[in-house]
Amino acid sequence: MALTIPTLDLEQELYYKEVGDRKVRLLLQLPRVRKYEKAPVYLIIPGGGWAMAEPESMIGMSRVSVDYARDHGWAVASLAYRIIRHDPVDMEQIVSDCMDAGRYLAHYAQKLGLDMGRVVTSGHSAGGHLALMMALAPQGAFVRDSVLADPFRVVACAPLSPPTVLYQNETVPQTLAFSMDELLPGTTLEEWKRYSPVDWVNARSVPCRTFAGTHDDLVFPLSSELLVKAYEKAGAECEAVYAQNGGHCFECKVPGAKVAPDALEIQKMLCGYLDRFAPEK
């Protein structure tokens, strides 16, 4: 497998995985200011219905928190993953790709000066789902097409508009405006549970702060509510921040109203969340 060997350039595009003729990439941005011997990592994952995954889009959406992170000693990684319909892959492979990005960074952590024992994940929509999976699921459970086994540790997660339950039944209400079975037909209920973050929550789950728009008509705010309830039942820490009048990207969905907190305020809240998990000086 032809993995990219990273350099110490402040910004670089790296290929962390190769399957057949498909190379999967991530964008790595090292700290502008080195505050720590090893830089903690802010790992952000783009969304797009698991059918698009452009790292540049997540960096753009997270520009405020990305710049803050790099100016305060953090490294930032935004990763792509194989996508349905294009590659095609199932959810097992998509989650494994994201885990492999973490394993890749851990493999080169010493060279890059990264603290892969202090990773905070975030992402929007499908990327928020994958950020939660990286934070909650055991790494060893998702190793499809993997070649590296280097461990990393997620210490917190801050997903934006995340799908947290990928199925519905007599006890789980609808949380998405679409059916996952239409995206990945043939997936069983047990498999959907395996790919649903709420089903991985336990008493040892890492702290989480989830953000959702009250008027999100794609991933319903109920999705975040169910995540909080799962955490509460397990006795672990999770809080939800609801953007009043906000939609899927925290845009205003109520004519004449204001979104509160709005997208900029949410980014500033993410900066504060990173501060909470920064290393002690």
Protein backbone atom coordinates (compact mmCIF):
# COMPACT_ATOMS: atom_id res chain seq x y z
CA MET A 1 0.00 0.00 0.00
CA ALA A 2 1.40 3.38 -1.02
CA LEU A 3 0.68 5.60 1.96
CA THR A 4 2.00 9.15 1.85
CA ILE A 5 4.95 9.73 4.16
CA PRO A 6 4.16 13.07 5.79
CA THR A 7 6.56 15.98 6.10
CA LEU A 8 6.71 18.82 8.60
CA ASP A 9 5.06 21.28 6.20
CA LEU A 10 2.42 23.30 8.03
CA GLU A 11 -0.25 22.30 5.50
CA GLN A 12 -0.21 19.11 3.46
CA GLU A 13 -2.45 16.70 1.60
CA LEU A 14 -1.82 13.09 2.60
CA TYR A 15 -3.10 9.75 1.33
CA TYR A 16 -3.77 7.61 4.38
CA LYS A 17 -5.31 4.58 2.69
CA GLU A 18 -5.35 2.81 -0.65
CA VAL A 19 -7.87 0.16 -1.65
CA GLY A 20 -7.49 -1.12 -5.18
CA ASP A 21 -7.01 1.97 -7.31
CA ARG A 22 -8.77 4.25 -4.80
CA LYS A 23 -6.58 6.50 -2.66
CA VAL A 24 -8.22 8.15 0.32
CA ARG A 25 -6.86 11.47 1.54
CA LEU A 26 -6.83 13.85 4.44
CA LEU A 27 -5.69 17.43 4.87
CA LEU A 28 -3.34 18.00 7.78
CA GLN A 29 -2.65 21.44 9.19
CA LEU A 30 0.00 21.62 11.90
CA PRO A 31 -0.11 24.28 14.62
CA ARG A 32 0.89 27.81 13.66
CA VAL A 33 1.95 28.25 17.27
CA ARG A 34 3.63 25.37 19.07
CA LYS A 35 2.38 25.52 22.65
CA TYR A 36 2.87 21.87 23.52
CA GLU A 37 5.62 19.33 23.02
CA LYS A 38 3.00 17.20 21.28
CA ALA A 39 0.05 18.88 19.59
CA PRO A 40 -3.45 17.66 20.43
CA VAL A 41 -5.54 16.94 17.35
CA TYR A 42 -8.83 18.50 16.24
CA LEU A 43 -10.16 15.95 13.74
CA ILE A 44 -13.06 17.14 11.60
CA ILE A 45 -15.11 15.09 9.15
CA PRO A 46 -17.16 16.45 6.24
CA GLY A 47 -20.72 15.43 5.57
CA GLY A 48 -22.76 14.98 2.43
CA GLY A 49 -25.04 12.03 3.03
CA TRP A 50 -22.08 9.60 3.01
CA ALA A 51 -22.06 10.31 -0.76
CA MET A 52 -19.72 13.32 -0.65
CA ALA A 53 -16.67 13.82 1.54
CA GLU A 54 -14.55 16.84 0.68
CA PRO A 55 -12.12 17.80 3.47
CA GLU A 56 -11.93 21.36 2.17
CA SER A 57 -15.65 21.86 2.81
CA MET A 58 -15.33 20.98 6.49
CA ILE A 59 -12.33 23.25 6.92
CA GLY A 60 -14.35 26.06 5.34
CA MET A 61 -17.37 25.42 7.54
CA SER A 62 -15.14 25.24 10.63
CA ARG A 63 -12.80 28.10 9.71
CA VAL A 64 -13.23 29.95 13.01
CA SER A 65 -12.51 26.91 15.19
CA VAL A 66 -9.79 25.65 12.83
CA ASP A 67 -7.91 28.95 12.98
CA TYR A 68 -8.39 29.13 16.74
CA ALA A 69 -7.13 25.59 17.18
CA ARG A 70 -3.98 26.14 15.12
CA ASP A 71 -3.23 29.41 16.87
CA HIS A 72 -3.55 27.68 20.24
CA GLY A 73 -1.27 24.72 19.67
CA TRP A 74 -3.61 22.21 18.04
CA ALA A 75 -3.11 20.31 14.81
CA VAL A 76 -6.16 20.01 12.55
CA ALA A 77 -6.96 17.05 10.32
CA SER A 78 -9.89 17.01 7.91
CA LEU A 79 -10.44 13.66 6.28
CA ALA A 80 -12.16 12.19 3.27
CA TYR A 81 -13.51 8.64 3.19
CA ARG A 82 -14.85 6.33 0.53
CA ILE A 83 -18.42 7.15 -0.37
CA ILE A 84 -21.52 5.20 -1.34
CA ARG A 85 -22.57 5.08 -4.98
CA HIS A 86 -19.17 6.30 -6.15
CA ASP A 87 -16.85 3.64 -4.73
CA PRO A 88 -19.22 1.81 -3.73
CA VAL A 89 -18.88 0.82 -0.07
CA ASP A 90 -21.02 -0.08 2.89
CA MET A 91 -21.11 1.70 6.24
CA GLU A 92 -18.66 -0.79 7.73
CA GLN A 93 -16.02 0.34 5.24
CA ILE A 94 -16.82 4.04 5.69
CA VAL A 95 -16.40 3.85 9.47
CA SER A 96 -13.26 1.76 9.01
CA ASP A 97 -11.82 4.45 6.73
CA CYS A 98 -12.28 7.08 9.42
CA MET A 99 -10.69 4.83 12.02
CA ASP A 100 -7.82 4.25 9.59
CA ALA A 101 -7.24 7.99 9.30
CA GLY A 102 -6.73 8.05 13.07
CA ARG A 103 -4.45 5.02 12.89
CA TYR A 104 -2.44 6.65 10.11
CA LEU A 105 -1.90 9.84 12.11
CA ALA A 106 -0.98 7.75 15.15
CA HIS A 107 1.55 5.84 13.04
CA TYR A 108 3.34 9.08 12.18
CA ALA A 109 2.58 10.91 15.44
CA GLN A 110 6.17 11.03 16.65
CA LYS A 111 7.45 12.44 13.37
CA LEU A 112 4.67 15.03 13.21
CA GLY A 113 4.72 15.95 16.87
CA LEU A 114 1.10 14.90 17.44
CA ASP A 115 -0.53 13.77 20.65
CA MET A 116 -2.83 11.05 19.33
CA GLY A 117 -3.87 10.32 22.89
CA ARG A 118 -5.72 13.63 22.88
CA VAL A 119 -8.06 13.82 19.88
CA VAL A 120 -11.31 15.79 19.72
CA THR A 121 -13.58 14.81 16.84
CA SER A 122 -16.21 16.90 15.11
CA GLY A 123 -18.04 16.86 11.82
CA HIS A 124 -21.24 17.98 10.15
CA SER A 125 -24.23 15.78 9.31
CA ALA A 126 -22.85 12.43 8.03
CA GLY A 127 -19.48 13.69 9.26
CA GLY A 128 -21.00 14.23 12.69
CA HIS A 129 -22.21 10.63 12.66
CA LEU A 130 -18.69 9.45 11.80
CA ALA A 131 -17.14 11.73 14.43
CA LEU A 132 -19.37 10.04 17.00
CA MET A 133 -18.48 6.58 15.73
CA MET A 134 -14.78 7.39 16.08
CA ALA A 135 -15.43 8.60 19.62
CA LEU A 136 -17.76 5.85 20.82
CA ALA A 137 -17.06 2.61 18.94
CA PRO A 138 -14.07 0.39 19.70
CA GLN A 139 -11.37 0.89 17.09
CA GLY A 140 -10.87 -2.85 16.78
CA ALA A 141 -14.48 -3.28 15.71
CA PHE A 142 -13.90 -1.46 12.42
CA VAL A 143 -10.85 -2.69 10.54
CA ARG A 144 -12.16 -3.37 7.02
CA ASP A 145 -9.30 -3.03 4.49
CA SER A 146 -6.99 -1.77 7.27
CA VAL A 147 -3.23 -2.18 7.15
CA LEU A 148 -2.23 -0.13 10.21
CA ALA A 149 -3.13 -0.94 13.80
CA ASP A 150 -1.71 2.06 15.68
CA PRO A 151 -4.13 3.10 18.45
CA PHE A 152 -5.35 6.61 19.14
CA ARG A 153 -7.61 8.05 21.82
CA VAL A 154 -10.58 10.36 21.32
CA VAL A 155 -11.16 12.40 24.48
CA ALA A 156 -14.28 14.32 23.39
CA CYS A 157 -16.69 14.77 20.51
CA ALA A 158 -18.60 17.82 19.25
CA PRO A 159 -20.78 16.81 16.28
CA LEU A 160 -22.92 19.21 14.26
CA SER A 161 -26.40 18.09 13.13
CA PRO A 162 -25.42 14.43 13.55
CA PRO A 163 -27.47 11.36 12.65
CA THR A 164 -27.25 9.24 15.79
CA VAL A 165 -29.79 6.51 14.99
CA LEU A 166 -29.75 5.02 11.50
CA TYR A 167 -32.89 2.91 11.89
CA GLN A 168 -36.41 3.13 13.21
CA ASN A 169 -38.71 0.52 14.70
CA GLU A 170 -41.61 0.26 17.13
CA THR A 171 -39.56 1.86 19.92
CA VAL A 172 -37.32 4.23 17.94
CA PRO A 173 -39.09 7.07 16.10
CA GLN A 174 -38.01 8.51 12.76
CA THR A 175 -35.00 10.81 13.11
CA LEU A 176 -34.11 11.33 9.45
CA ALA A 177 -36.05 12.77 6.52
CA PHE A 178 -34.97 9.80 4.42
CA SER A 179 -34.53 6.07 4.82
CA MET A 180 -31.03 4.69 5.19
CA ASP A 181 -32.31 1.54 3.49
CA GLU A 182 -32.64 3.58 0.29
CA LEU A 183 -28.97 4.56 0.51
CA LEU A 184 -27.61 1.15 1.45
CA PRO A 185 -30.27 -1.48 0.57
CA GLY A 186 -29.85 -4.90 2.06
CA THR A 187 -28.41 -3.66 5.37
CA THR A 188 -30.00 -5.52 8.28
CA LEU A 189 -31.44 -3.96 11.44
CA GLU A 190 -28.61 -5.44 13.49
CA GLU A 191 -26.10 -3.87 11.14
CA TRP A 192 -27.83 -0.48 11.38
CA LYS A 193 -27.63 -0.74 15.16
CA ARG A 194 -23.93 -1.47 14.86
CA TYR A 195 -23.51 1.73 12.83
CA SER A 196 -25.64 3.88 15.15
CA PRO A 197 -23.74 5.94 17.75
CA VAL A 198 -26.51 5.70 20.38
CA ASP A 199 -26.02 1.93 20.49
CA TRP A 200 -22.36 2.33 21.48
CA VAL A 201 -22.94 4.71 24.40
CA ASN A 202 -21.91 3.35 27.80
CA ALA A 203 -20.75 4.61 31.18
CA ARG A 204 -17.19 5.11 29.87
CA SER A 205 -18.18 7.10 26.79
CA VAL A 206 -16.21 10.29 26.22
CA PRO A 207 -17.82 13.69 26.89
CA CYS A 208 -19.95 15.00 24.05
CA ARG A 209 -21.53 18.29 23.07
CA THR A 210 -23.91 17.97 20.14
CA PHE A 211 -25.32 20.87 18.13
CA ALA A 212 -28.64 20.78 16.29
CA GLY A 213 -31.02 23.19 14.63
CA THR A 214 -34.54 23.22 16.05
CA HIS A 215 -35.93 23.38 12.52
CA ASP A 216 -33.57 20.89 10.87
CA ASP A 217 -35.81 19.08 8.39
CA LEU A 218 -33.10 16.66 7.21
CA VAL A 219 -31.63 15.30 10.44
CA PHE A 220 -34.31 16.01 13.02
CA PRO A 221 -33.24 17.53 16.36
CA LEU A 222 -34.72 14.39 17.91
CA SER A 223 -31.51 12.69 16.78
CA SER A 224 -29.48 14.75 19.25
CA GLU A 225 -32.17 14.34 21.92
CA LEU A 226 -31.86 10.56 21.69
CA LEU A 227 -28.10 10.78 22.00
CA VAL A 228 -28.41 12.84 25.18
CA LYS A 229 -30.94 10.36 26.58
CA ALA A 230 -28.60 7.44 25.83
CA TYR A 231 -25.79 9.24 27.64
CA GLU A 232 -28.03 10.07 30.59
CA LYS A 233 -29.14 6.45 30.87
CA ALA A 234 -25.50 5.32 30.84
CA GLY A 235 -24.46 7.95 33.38
CA ALA A 236 -22.01 9.64 31.00
CA GLU A 237 -21.65 13.31 30.06
CA CYS A 238 -23.46 14.76 27.06
CA GLU A 239 -25.20 18.05 26.42
CA ALA A 240 -27.12 19.37 23.44
CA VAL A 241 -27.03 22.92 22.11
CA TYR A 242 -30.06 23.78 19.99
CA ALA A 243 -29.86 26.58 17.45
CA GLN A 244 -33.31 28.14 17.79
CA ASN A 245 -34.94 28.65 14.37
CA GLY A 246 -31.93 27.01 12.73
CA GLY A 247 -31.86 24.44 9.97
CA HIS A 248 -29.45 21.68 9.04
CA CYS A 249 -26.55 24.10 8.51
CA PHE A 250 -27.86 26.49 11.17
CA GLU A 251 -29.39 28.73 8.52
CA CYS A 252 -32.55 30.58 9.50
CA LYS A 253 -35.70 28.57 8.72
CA VAL A 254 -38.22 30.97 10.24
CA PRO A 255 -38.83 34.14 8.20
CA GLY A 256 -38.08 37.27 10.18
CA ALA A 257 -36.54 35.35 13.08
CA LYS A 258 -32.97 35.10 14.28
CA VAL A 259 -30.95 31.95 14.81
CA ALA A 260 -29.57 31.67 18.33
CA PRO A 261 -26.91 30.53 18.66
CA ASP A 262 -26.02 31.13 15.03
CA ALA A 263 -23.27 29.42 13.04
CA LEU A 264 -20.58 31.88 14.16
CA GLU A 265 -21.57 31.58 17.80
CA ILE A 266 -21.50 27.79 17.50
CA GLN A 267 -17.97 27.98 16.12
CA LYS A 268 -16.94 30.11 19.08
CA MET A 269 -18.49 27.55 21.40
CA LEU A 270 -16.40 24.89 19.67
CA CYS A 271 -13.29 26.96 20.44
CA GLY A 272 -14.23 26.96 24.11
CA TYR A 273 -14.85 23.23 24.00
CA LEU A 274 -11.36 22.63 22.62
CA ASP A 275 -9.93 24.72 25.46
CA ARG A 276 -11.51 22.34 27.94
CA PHE A 277 -9.53 19.40 26.53
CA ALA A 278 -6.24 21.15 25.84
CA PRO A 279 -3.18 19.78 27.68
CA GLU A 280 -2.13 21.43 30.89
CA LYS A 281 0.80 23.77 30.33
